Amino acid sequence: ILKPEDTAVYYCYLRQFSIDNWGQ
């Protein structure tokens, strides 16, 4: 049920040992 306001760049995220990692 996607809406126009869902338009964005979506980033993958992984947090381990209090360190945040991001995709492109």
mmCIF file of all heavy atoms, coordinates in Angstrom:
data_MODEL
# 
_entry.id   MODEL 
# 
loop_
_atom_site.group_PDB 
_atom_site.id 
_atom_site.type_symbol 
_atom_site.label_atom_id 
_atom_site.label_alt_id 
_atom_site.label_comp_id 
_atom_site.label_asym_id 
_atom_site.label_entity_id 
_atom_site.label_seq_id 
_atom_site.pdbx_PDB_ins_code 
_atom_site.Cartn_x 
_atom_site.Cartn_y 
_atom_site.Cartn_z 
_atom_site.occupancy 
_atom_site.B_iso_or_equiv 
_atom_site.pdbx_formal_charge 
_atom_site.auth_seq_id 
_atom_site.auth_comp_id 
_atom_site.auth_asym_id 
_atom_site.auth_atom_id 
_atom_site.pdbx_PDB_model_num 
ATOM 1   N N   . ILE A 1 1  ? 0.850  -1.202 0.000  1.00 0.00 ? 1  ILE A N   1 
ATOM 2   C CA  . ILE A 1 1  ? 0.000  0.000  0.000  1.00 0.00 ? 1  ILE A CA  1 
ATOM 3   C C   . ILE A 1 1  ? 0.883  1.249  0.000  1.00 0.00 ? 1  ILE A C   1 
ATOM 4   O O   . ILE A 1 1  ? 0.745  2.151  0.844  1.00 0.00 ? 1  ILE A O   1 
ATOM 5   C CB  . ILE A 1 1  ? -0.960 0.002  1.211  1.00 0.00 ? 1  ILE A CB  1 
ATOM 6   C CG1 . ILE A 1 1  ? -1.563 -1.382 1.427  1.00 0.00 ? 1  ILE A CG1 1 
ATOM 7   C CG2 . ILE A 1 1  ? -2.101 1.012  0.966  1.00 0.00 ? 1  ILE A CG2 1 
ATOM 8   C CD1 . ILE A 1 1  ? -2.429 -1.501 2.656  1.00 0.00 ? 1  ILE A CD1 1 
ATOM 9   N N   . LEU A 1 2  ? 1.801  1.296  -0.927 1.00 0.00 ? 2  LEU A N   1 
ATOM 10  C CA  . LEU A 1 2  ? 2.755  2.392  -0.968 1.00 0.00 ? 2  LEU A CA  1 
ATOM 11  C C   . LEU A 1 2  ? 2.067  3.700  -1.325 1.00 0.00 ? 2  LEU A C   1 
ATOM 12  O O   . LEU A 1 2  ? 1.118  3.739  -2.130 1.00 0.00 ? 2  LEU A O   1 
ATOM 13  C CB  . LEU A 1 2  ? 3.877  2.080  -1.953 1.00 0.00 ? 2  LEU A CB  1 
ATOM 14  C CG  . LEU A 1 2  ? 4.921  1.096  -1.408 1.00 0.00 ? 2  LEU A CG  1 
ATOM 15  C CD1 . LEU A 1 2  ? 5.731  0.480  -2.528 1.00 0.00 ? 2  LEU A CD1 1 
ATOM 16  C CD2 . LEU A 1 2  ? 5.823  1.796  -0.413 1.00 0.00 ? 2  LEU A CD2 1 
ATOM 17  N N   . LYS A 1 3  ? 2.570  4.773  -0.721 1.00 0.00 ? 3  LYS A N   1 
ATOM 18  C CA  . LYS A 1 3  ? 2.029  6.109  -0.899 1.00 0.00 ? 3  LYS A CA  1 
ATOM 19  C C   . LYS A 1 3  ? 3.115  7.015  -1.478 1.00 0.00 ? 3  LYS A C   1 
ATOM 20  O O   . LYS A 1 3  ? 4.315  6.750  -1.284 1.00 0.00 ? 3  LYS A O   1 
ATOM 21  C CB  . LYS A 1 3  ? 1.565  6.663  0.445  1.00 0.00 ? 3  LYS A CB  1 
ATOM 22  C CG  . LYS A 1 3  ? 0.610  5.761  1.208  1.00 0.00 ? 3  LYS A CG  1 
ATOM 23  C CD  . LYS A 1 3  ? 0.326  6.322  2.595  1.00 0.00 ? 3  LYS A CD  1 
ATOM 24  C CE  . LYS A 1 3  ? -0.584 5.391  3.394  1.00 0.00 ? 3  LYS A CE  1 
ATOM 25  N NZ  . LYS A 1 3  ? -0.839 5.920  4.750  1.00 0.00 ? 3  LYS A NZ  1 
ATOM 26  N N   . PRO A 1 4  ? 2.719  8.094  -2.116 1.00 0.00 ? 4  PRO A N   1 
ATOM 27  C CA  . PRO A 1 4  ? 3.740  9.025  -2.637 1.00 0.00 ? 4  PRO A CA  1 
ATOM 28  C C   . PRO A 1 4  ? 4.701  9.514  -1.550 1.00 0.00 ? 4  PRO A C   1 
ATOM 29  O O   . PRO A 1 4  ? 5.898  9.716  -1.839 1.00 0.00 ? 4  PRO A O   1 
ATOM 30  C CB  . PRO A 1 4  ? 2.894  10.171 -3.204 1.00 0.00 ? 4  PRO A CB  1 
ATOM 31  C CG  . PRO A 1 4  ? 1.616  9.511  -3.607 1.00 0.00 ? 4  PRO A CG  1 
ATOM 32  C CD  . PRO A 1 4  ? 1.372  8.464  -2.561 1.00 0.00 ? 4  PRO A CD  1 
ATOM 33  N N   . GLU A 1 5  ? 4.216  9.647  -0.331 1.00 0.00 ? 5  GLU A N   1 
ATOM 34  C CA  . GLU A 1 5  ? 5.094  10.117 0.749  1.00 0.00 ? 5  GLU A CA  1 
ATOM 35  C C   . GLU A 1 5  ? 6.099  9.056  1.200  1.00 0.00 ? 5  GLU A C   1 
ATOM 36  O O   . GLU A 1 5  ? 6.963  9.332  2.033  1.00 0.00 ? 5  GLU A O   1 
ATOM 37  C CB  . GLU A 1 5  ? 4.273  10.606 1.951  1.00 0.00 ? 5  GLU A CB  1 
ATOM 38  C CG  . GLU A 1 5  ? 3.221  9.636  2.443  1.00 0.00 ? 5  GLU A CG  1 
ATOM 39  C CD  . GLU A 1 5  ? 1.842  9.920  1.861  1.00 0.00 ? 5  GLU A CD  1 
ATOM 40  O OE1 . GLU A 1 5  ? 1.751  10.238 0.643  1.00 0.00 ? 5  GLU A OE1 1 
ATOM 41  O OE2 . GLU A 1 5  ? 0.852  9.825  2.621  1.00 0.00 ? 5  GLU A OE2 1 
ATOM 42  N N   . ASP A 1 6  ? 6.010  7.844  0.665  1.00 0.00 ? 6  ASP A N   1 
ATOM 43  C CA  . ASP A 1 6  ? 7.027  6.832  0.929  1.00 0.00 ? 6  ASP A CA  1 
ATOM 44  C C   . ASP A 1 6  ? 8.233  6.984  0.007  1.00 0.00 ? 6  ASP A C   1 
ATOM 45  O O   . ASP A 1 6  ? 9.230  6.265  0.170  1.00 0.00 ? 6  ASP A O   1 
ATOM 46  C CB  . ASP A 1 6  ? 6.437  5.429  0.749  1.00 0.00 ? 6  ASP A CB  1 
ATOM 47  C CG  . ASP A 1 6  ? 5.381  5.091  1.781  1.00 0.00 ? 6  ASP A CG  1 
ATOM 48  O OD1 . ASP A 1 6  ? 5.578  5.415  2.967  1.00 0.00 ? 6  ASP A OD1 1 
ATOM 49  O OD2 . ASP A 1 6  ? 4.340  4.500  1.402  1.00 0.00 ? 6  ASP A OD2 1 
ATOM 50  N N   . THR A 1 7  ? 8.151  7.893  -0.932 1.00 0.00 ? 7  THR A N   1 
ATOM 51  C CA  . THR A 1 7  ? 9.272  8.139  -1.830 1.00 0.00 ? 7  THR A CA  1 
ATOM 52  C C   . THR A 1 7  ? 10.485 8.608  -1.043 1.00 0.00 ? 7  THR A C   1 
ATOM 53  O O   . THR A 1 7  ? 10.405 9.592  -0.287 1.00 0.00 ? 7  THR A O   1 
ATOM 54  C CB  . THR A 1 7  ? 8.890  9.186  -2.896 1.00 0.00 ? 7  THR A CB  1 
ATOM 55  O OG1 . THR A 1 7  ? 7.847  8.653  -3.725 1.00 0.00 ? 7  THR A OG1 1 
ATOM 56  C CG2 . THR A 1 7  ? 10.092 9.553  -3.751 1.00 0.00 ? 7  THR A CG2 1 
ATOM 57  N N   . ALA A 1 8  ? 11.604 7.902  -1.206 1.00 0.00 ? 8  ALA A N   1 
ATOM 58  C CA  . ALA A 1 8  ? 12.816 8.209  -0.454 1.00 0.00 ? 8  ALA A CA  1 
ATOM 59  C C   . ALA A 1 8  ? 13.930 7.275  -0.912 1.00 0.00 ? 8  ALA A C   1 
ATOM 60  O O   . ALA A 1 8  ? 13.686 6.316  -1.657 1.00 0.00 ? 8  ALA A O   1 
ATOM 61  C CB  . ALA A 1 8  ? 12.581 8.027  1.036  1.00 0.00 ? 8  ALA A CB  1 
ATOM 62  N N   . VAL A 1 9  ? 15.124 7.578  -0.446 1.00 0.00 ? 9  VAL A N   1 
ATOM 63  C CA  . VAL A 1 9  ? 16.223 6.619  -0.548 1.00 0.00 ? 9  VAL A CA  1 
ATOM 64  C C   . VAL A 1 9  ? 16.172 5.752  0.708  1.00 0.00 ? 9  VAL A C   1 
ATOM 65  O O   . VAL A 1 9  ? 16.149 6.272  1.826  1.00 0.00 ? 9  VAL A O   1 
ATOM 66  C CB  . VAL A 1 9  ? 17.590 7.313  -0.667 1.00 0.00 ? 9  VAL A CB  1 
ATOM 67  C CG1 . VAL A 1 9  ? 18.709 6.280  -0.701 1.00 0.00 ? 9  VAL A CG1 1 
ATOM 68  C CG2 . VAL A 1 9  ? 17.635 8.189  -1.915 1.00 0.00 ? 9  VAL A CG2 1 
ATOM 69  N N   . TYR A 1 10 ? 16.142 4.447  0.508  1.00 0.00 ? 10 TYR A N   1 
ATOM 70  C CA  . TYR A 1 10 ? 16.053 3.497  1.617  1.00 0.00 ? 10 TYR A CA  1 
ATOM 71  C C   . TYR A 1 10 ? 17.432 2.888  1.861  1.00 0.00 ? 10 TYR A C   1 
ATOM 72  O O   . TYR A 1 10 ? 18.068 2.369  0.940  1.00 0.00 ? 10 TYR A O   1 
ATOM 73  C CB  . TYR A 1 10 ? 15.031 2.411  1.285  1.00 0.00 ? 10 TYR A CB  1 
ATOM 74  C CG  . TYR A 1 10 ? 13.604 2.892  1.424  1.00 0.00 ? 10 TYR A CG  1 
ATOM 75  C CD1 . TYR A 1 10 ? 13.076 3.822  0.526  1.00 0.00 ? 10 TYR A CD1 1 
ATOM 76  C CD2 . TYR A 1 10 ? 12.793 2.465  2.473  1.00 0.00 ? 10 TYR A CD2 1 
ATOM 77  C CE1 . TYR A 1 10 ? 11.776 4.289  0.662  1.00 0.00 ? 10 TYR A CE1 1 
ATOM 78  C CE2 . TYR A 1 10 ? 11.491 2.927  2.609  1.00 0.00 ? 10 TYR A CE2 1 
ATOM 79  C CZ  . TYR A 1 10 ? 10.997 3.838  1.703  1.00 0.00 ? 10 TYR A CZ  1 
ATOM 80  O OH  . TYR A 1 10 ? 9.709  4.308  1.856  1.00 0.00 ? 10 TYR A OH  1 
ATOM 81  N N   . TYR A 1 11 ? 17.865 2.983  3.123  1.00 0.00 ? 11 TYR A N   1 
ATOM 82  C CA  . TYR A 1 11 ? 19.196 2.537  3.511  1.00 0.00 ? 11 TYR A CA  1 
ATOM 83  C C   . TYR A 1 11 ? 19.109 1.292  4.392  1.00 0.00 ? 11 TYR A C   1 
ATOM 84  O O   . TYR A 1 11 ? 18.363 1.278  5.378  1.00 0.00 ? 11 TYR A O   1 
ATOM 85  C CB  . TYR A 1 11 ? 19.927 3.633  4.269  1.00 0.00 ? 11 TYR A CB  1 
ATOM 86  C CG  . TYR A 1 11 ? 20.232 4.860  3.449  1.00 0.00 ? 11 TYR A CG  1 
ATOM 87  C CD1 . TYR A 1 11 ? 19.353 5.939  3.410  1.00 0.00 ? 11 TYR A CD1 1 
ATOM 88  C CD2 . TYR A 1 11 ? 21.412 4.940  2.703  1.00 0.00 ? 11 TYR A CD2 1 
ATOM 89  C CE1 . TYR A 1 11 ? 19.629 7.062  2.658  1.00 0.00 ? 11 TYR A CE1 1 
ATOM 90  C CE2 . TYR A 1 11 ? 21.694 6.070  1.955  1.00 0.00 ? 11 TYR A CE2 1 
ATOM 91  C CZ  . TYR A 1 11 ? 20.802 7.120  1.936  1.00 0.00 ? 11 TYR A CZ  1 
ATOM 92  O OH  . TYR A 1 11 ? 21.085 8.238  1.183  1.00 0.00 ? 11 TYR A OH  1 
ATOM 93  N N   . CYS A 1 12 ? 19.914 0.309  4.046  1.00 0.00 ? 12 CYS A N   1 
ATOM 94  C CA  . CYS A 1 12 ? 20.064 -0.864 4.898  1.00 0.00 ? 12 CYS A CA  1 
ATOM 95  C C   . CYS A 1 12 ? 20.969 -0.499 6.075  1.00 0.00 ? 12 CYS A C   1 
ATOM 96  O O   . CYS A 1 12 ? 21.904 0.315  5.932  1.00 0.00 ? 12 CYS A O   1 
ATOM 97  C CB  . CYS A 1 12 ? 20.673 -1.999 4.081  1.00 0.00 ? 12 CYS A CB  1 
ATOM 98  S SG  . CYS A 1 12 ? 20.886 -3.540 5.000  1.00 0.00 ? 12 CYS A SG  1 
ATOM 99  N N   . TYR A 1 13 ? 20.715 -1.119 7.205  1.00 0.00 ? 13 TYR A N   1 
ATOM 100 C CA  . TYR A 1 13 ? 21.373 -0.753 8.466  1.00 0.00 ? 13 TYR A CA  1 
ATOM 101 C C   . TYR A 1 13 ? 21.744 -2.019 9.229  1.00 0.00 ? 13 TYR A C   1 
ATOM 102 O O   . TYR A 1 13 ? 20.965 -2.967 9.277  1.00 0.00 ? 13 TYR A O   1 
ATOM 103 C CB  . TYR A 1 13 ? 20.381 0.092  9.269  1.00 0.00 ? 13 TYR A CB  1 
ATOM 104 C CG  . TYR A 1 13 ? 20.666 0.286  10.732 1.00 0.00 ? 13 TYR A CG  1 
ATOM 105 C CD1 . TYR A 1 13 ? 21.548 1.271  11.151 1.00 0.00 ? 13 TYR A CD1 1 
ATOM 106 C CD2 . TYR A 1 13 ? 20.023 -0.475 11.699 1.00 0.00 ? 13 TYR A CD2 1 
ATOM 107 C CE1 . TYR A 1 13 ? 21.787 1.486  12.506 1.00 0.00 ? 13 TYR A CE1 1 
ATOM 108 C CE2 . TYR A 1 13 ? 20.255 -0.275 13.044 1.00 0.00 ? 13 TYR A CE2 1 
ATOM 109 C CZ  . TYR A 1 13 ? 21.132 0.711  13.438 1.00 0.00 ? 13 TYR A CZ  1 
ATOM 110 O OH  . TYR A 1 13 ? 21.358 0.920  14.774 1.00 0.00 ? 13 TYR A OH  1 
ATOM 111 N N   . LEU A 1 14 ? 22.925 -2.002 9.800  1.00 0.00 ? 14 LEU A N   1 
ATOM 112 C CA  . LEU A 1 14 ? 23.349 -3.088 10.683 1.00 0.00 ? 14 LEU A CA  1 
ATOM 113 C C   . LEU A 1 14 ? 24.097 -2.479 11.857 1.00 0.00 ? 14 LEU A C   1 
ATOM 114 O O   . LEU A 1 14 ? 25.042 -1.704 11.655 1.00 0.00 ? 14 LEU A O   1 
ATOM 115 C CB  . LEU A 1 14 ? 24.252 -4.092 9.953  1.00 0.00 ? 14 LEU A CB  1 
ATOM 116 C CG  . LEU A 1 14 ? 24.658 -5.332 10.754 1.00 0.00 ? 14 LEU A CG  1 
ATOM 117 C CD1 . LEU A 1 14 ? 24.838 -6.536 9.837  1.00 0.00 ? 14 LEU A CD1 1 
ATOM 118 C CD2 . LEU A 1 14 ? 25.924 -5.126 11.565 1.00 0.00 ? 14 LEU A CD2 1 
ATOM 119 N N   . ARG A 1 15 ? 23.661 -2.837 13.061 1.00 0.00 ? 15 ARG A N   1 
ATOM 120 C CA  . ARG A 1 15 ? 24.310 -2.328 14.270 1.00 0.00 ? 15 ARG A CA  1 
ATOM 121 C C   . ARG A 1 15 ? 24.838 -3.518 15.073 1.00 0.00 ? 15 ARG A C   1 
ATOM 122 O O   . ARG A 1 15 ? 24.081 -4.441 15.405 1.00 0.00 ? 15 ARG A O   1 
ATOM 123 C CB  . ARG A 1 15 ? 23.328 -1.523 15.113 1.00 0.00 ? 15 ARG A CB  1 
ATOM 124 C CG  . ARG A 1 15 ? 23.930 -0.935 16.386 1.00 0.00 ? 15 ARG A CG  1 
ATOM 125 C CD  . ARG A 1 15 ? 22.912 -0.075 17.102 1.00 0.00 ? 15 ARG A CD  1 
ATOM 126 N NE  . ARG A 1 15 ? 23.423 0.475  18.348 1.00 0.00 ? 15 ARG A NE  1 
ATOM 127 C CZ  . ARG A 1 15 ? 24.094 1.617  18.433 1.00 0.00 ? 15 ARG A CZ  1 
ATOM 128 N NH1 . ARG A 1 15 ? 24.320 2.317  17.339 1.00 0.00 ? 15 ARG A NH1 1 
ATOM 129 N NH2 . ARG A 1 15 ? 24.511 2.061  19.604 1.00 0.00 ? 15 ARG A NH2 1 
ATOM 130 N N   . GLN A 1 16 ? 26.140 -3.489 15.352 1.00 0.00 ? 16 GLN A N   1 
ATOM 131 C CA  . GLN A 1 16 ? 26.739 -4.489 16.223 1.00 0.00 ? 16 GLN A CA  1 
ATOM 132 C C   . GLN A 1 16 ? 27.864 -3.843 17.001 1.00 0.00 ? 16 GLN A C   1 
ATOM 133 O O   . GLN A 1 16 ? 28.582 -2.989 16.468 1.00 0.00 ? 16 GLN A O   1 
ATOM 134 C CB  . GLN A 1 16 ? 27.241 -5.699 15.425 1.00 0.00 ? 16 GLN A CB  1 
ATOM 135 C CG  . GLN A 1 16 ? 28.229 -5.382 14.331 1.00 0.00 ? 16 GLN A CG  1 
ATOM 136 C CD  . GLN A 1 16 ? 28.609 -6.592 13.502 1.00 0.00 ? 16 GLN A CD  1 
ATOM 137 O OE1 . GLN A 1 16 ? 27.899 -7.603 13.460 1.00 0.00 ? 16 GLN A OE1 1 
ATOM 138 N NE2 . GLN A 1 16 ? 29.741 -6.524 12.821 1.00 0.00 ? 16 GLN A NE2 1 
ATOM 139 N N   . PHE A 1 17 ? 27.986 -4.225 18.278 1.00 0.00 ? 17 PHE A N   1 
ATOM 140 C CA  . PHE A 1 17 ? 28.975 -3.633 19.178 1.00 0.00 ? 17 PHE A CA  1 
ATOM 141 C C   . PHE A 1 17 ? 28.875 -2.102 19.170 1.00 0.00 ? 17 PHE A C   1 
ATOM 142 O O   . PHE A 1 17 ? 29.903 -1.404 19.149 1.00 0.00 ? 17 PHE A O   1 
ATOM 143 C CB  . PHE A 1 17 ? 30.391 -4.068 18.778 1.00 0.00 ? 17 PHE A CB  1 
ATOM 144 C CG  . PHE A 1 17 ? 30.571 -5.554 18.806 1.00 0.00 ? 17 PHE A CG  1 
ATOM 145 C CD1 . PHE A 1 17 ? 30.827 -6.266 17.658 1.00 0.00 ? 17 PHE A CD1 1 
ATOM 146 C CD2 . PHE A 1 17 ? 30.456 -6.260 20.009 1.00 0.00 ? 17 PHE A CD2 1 
ATOM 147 C CE1 . PHE A 1 17 ? 30.989 -7.647 17.687 1.00 0.00 ? 17 PHE A CE1 1 
ATOM 148 C CE2 . PHE A 1 17 ? 30.609 -7.631 20.043 1.00 0.00 ? 17 PHE A CE2 1 
ATOM 149 C CZ  . PHE A 1 17 ? 30.872 -8.325 18.878 1.00 0.00 ? 17 PHE A CZ  1 
ATOM 150 N N   . SER A 1 18 ? 27.665 -1.600 19.179 1.00 0.00 ? 18 SER A N   1 
ATOM 151 C CA  . SER A 1 18 ? 27.396 -0.163 19.226 1.00 0.00 ? 18 SER A CA  1 
ATOM 152 C C   . SER A 1 18 ? 27.938 0.600  18.021 1.00 0.00 ? 18 SER A C   1 
ATOM 153 O O   . SER A 1 18 ? 28.090 1.821  18.080 1.00 0.00 ? 18 SER A O   1 
ATOM 154 C CB  . SER A 1 18 ? 27.958 0.449  20.520 1.00 0.00 ? 18 SER A CB  1 
ATOM 155 O OG  . SER A 1 18 ? 27.375 -0.175 21.640 1.00 0.00 ? 18 SER A OG  1 
ATOM 156 N N   . ILE A 1 19 ? 28.223 -0.101 16.934 1.00 0.00 ? 19 ILE A N   1 
ATOM 157 C CA  . ILE A 1 19 ? 28.698 0.548  15.711 1.00 0.00 ? 19 ILE A CA  1 
ATOM 158 C C   . ILE A 1 19 ? 27.622 0.408  14.640 1.00 0.00 ? 19 ILE A C   1 
ATOM 159 O O   . ILE A 1 19 ? 27.116 -0.685 14.397 1.00 0.00 ? 19 ILE A O   1 
ATOM 160 C CB  . ILE A 1 19 ? 30.013 -0.089 15.226 1.00 0.00 ? 19 ILE A CB  1 
ATOM 161 C CG1 . ILE A 1 19 ? 31.101 0.122  16.265 1.00 0.00 ? 19 ILE A CG1 1 
ATOM 162 C CG2 . ILE A 1 19 ? 30.437 0.499  13.862 1.00 0.00 ? 19 ILE A CG2 1 
ATOM 163 C CD1 . ILE A 1 19 ? 32.384 -0.612 15.978 1.00 0.00 ? 19 ILE A CD1 1 
ATOM 164 N N   . ASP A 1 20 ? 27.284 1.525  14.021 1.00 0.00 ? 20 ASP A N   1 
ATOM 165 C CA  . ASP A 1 20 ? 26.287 1.543  12.952 1.00 0.00 ? 20 ASP A CA  1 
ATOM 166 C C   . ASP A 1 20 ? 26.966 1.422  11.592 1.00 0.00 ? 20 ASP A C   1 
ATOM 167 O O   . ASP A 1 20 ? 27.949 2.115  11.310 1.00 0.00 ? 20 ASP A O   1 
ATOM 168 C CB  . ASP A 1 20 ? 25.482 2.842  12.992 1.00 0.00 ? 20 ASP A CB  1 
ATOM 169 C CG  . ASP A 1 20 ? 24.654 2.958  14.251 1.00 0.00 ? 20 ASP A CG  1 
ATOM 170 O OD1 . ASP A 1 20 ? 24.315 1.915  14.831 1.00 0.00 ? 20 ASP A OD1 1 
ATOM 171 O OD2 . ASP A 1 20 ? 24.344 4.100  14.638 1.00 0.00 ? 20 ASP A OD2 1 
ATOM 172 N N   . ASN A 1 21 ? 26.429 0.567  10.763 1.00 0.00 ? 21 ASN A N   1 
ATOM 173 C CA  . ASN A 1 21 ? 26.915 0.376  9.394  1.00 0.00 ? 21 ASN A CA  1 
ATOM 174 C C   . ASN A 1 21 ? 25.761 0.629  8.434  1.00 0.00 ? 21 ASN A C   1 
ATOM 175 O O   . ASN A 1 21 ? 24.611 0.258  8.727  1.00 0.00 ? 21 ASN A O   1 
ATOM 176 C CB  . ASN A 1 21 ? 27.438 -1.045 9.201  1.00 0.00 ? 21 ASN A CB  1 
ATOM 177 C CG  . ASN A 1 21 ? 28.574 -1.376 10.138 1.00 0.00 ? 21 ASN A CG  1 
ATOM 178 O OD1 . ASN A 1 21 ? 29.727 -1.087 9.856  1.00 0.00 ? 21 ASN A OD1 1 
ATOM 179 N ND2 . ASN A 1 21 ? 28.255 -1.987 11.280 1.00 0.00 ? 21 ASN A ND2 1 
ATOM 180 N N   . TRP A 1 22 ? 26.080 1.228  7.295  1.00 0.00 ? 22 TRP A N   1 
ATOM 181 C CA  . TRP A 1 22 ? 25.052 1.630  6.339  1.00 0.00 ? 22 TRP A CA  1 
ATOM 182 C C   . TRP A 1 22 ? 25.368 1.132  4.940  1.00 0.00 ? 22 TRP A C   1 
ATOM 183 O O   . TRP A 1 22 ? 26.526 1.090  4.524  1.00 0.00 ? 22 TRP A O   1 
ATOM 184 C CB  . TRP A 1 22 ? 24.942 3.147  6.295  1.00 0.00 ? 22 TRP A CB  1 
ATOM 185 C CG  . TRP A 1 22 ? 24.562 3.749  7.614  1.00 0.00 ? 22 TRP A CG  1 
ATOM 186 C CD1 . TRP A 1 22 ? 25.404 4.241  8.570  1.00 0.00 ? 22 TRP A CD1 1 
ATOM 187 C CD2 . TRP A 1 22 ? 23.226 3.915  8.125  1.00 0.00 ? 22 TRP A CD2 1 
ATOM 188 N NE1 . TRP A 1 22 ? 24.681 4.692  9.643  1.00 0.00 ? 22 TRP A NE1 1 
ATOM 189 C CE2 . TRP A 1 22 ? 23.344 4.514  9.397  1.00 0.00 ? 22 TRP A CE2 1 
ATOM 190 C CE3 . TRP A 1 22 ? 21.955 3.616  7.638  1.00 0.00 ? 22 TRP A CE3 1 
ATOM 191 C CZ2 . TRP A 1 22 ? 22.235 4.821  10.186 1.00 0.00 ? 22 TRP A CZ2 1 
ATOM 192 C CZ3 . TRP A 1 22 ? 20.853 3.928  8.419  1.00 0.00 ? 22 TRP A CZ3 1 
ATOM 193 C CH2 . TRP A 1 22 ? 21.001 4.515  9.672  1.00 0.00 ? 22 TRP A CH2 1 
ATOM 194 N N   . GLY A 1 23 ? 24.302 0.825  4.202  1.00 0.00 ? 23 GLY A N   1 
ATOM 195 C CA  . GLY A 1 23 ? 24.447 0.552  2.787  1.00 0.00 ? 23 GLY A CA  1 
ATOM 196 C C   . GLY A 1 23 ? 24.474 1.846  1.994  1.00 0.00 ? 23 GLY A C   1 
ATOM 197 O O   . GLY A 1 23 ? 24.370 2.941  2.555  1.00 0.00 ? 23 GLY A O   1 
ATOM 198 N N   . GLN A 1 24 ? 24.582 1.724  0.677  1.00 0.00 ? 24 GLN A N   1 
ATOM 199 C CA  . GLN A 1 24 ? 24.678 2.909  -0.171 1.00 0.00 ? 24 GLN A CA  1 
ATOM 200 C C   . GLN A 1 24 ? 23.302 3.495  -0.485 1.00 0.00 ? 24 GLN A C   1 
ATOM 201 O O   . GLN A 1 24 ? 23.206 4.621  -0.977 1.00 0.00 ? 24 GLN A O   1 
ATOM 202 C CB  . GLN A 1 24 ? 25.414 2.571  -1.474 1.00 0.00 ? 24 GLN A CB  1 
ATOM 203 C CG  . GLN A 1 24 ? 24.567 1.881  -2.546 1.00 0.00 ? 24 GLN A CG  1 
ATOM 204 C CD  . GLN A 1 24 ? 24.266 0.419  -2.250 1.00 0.00 ? 24 GLN A CD  1 
ATOM 205 O OE1 . GLN A 1 24 ? 24.748 -0.139 -1.266 1.00 0.00 ? 24 GLN A OE1 1 
ATOM 206 N NE2 . GLN A 1 24 ? 23.473 -0.196 -3.105 1.00 0.00 ? 24 GLN A NE2 1 
# 
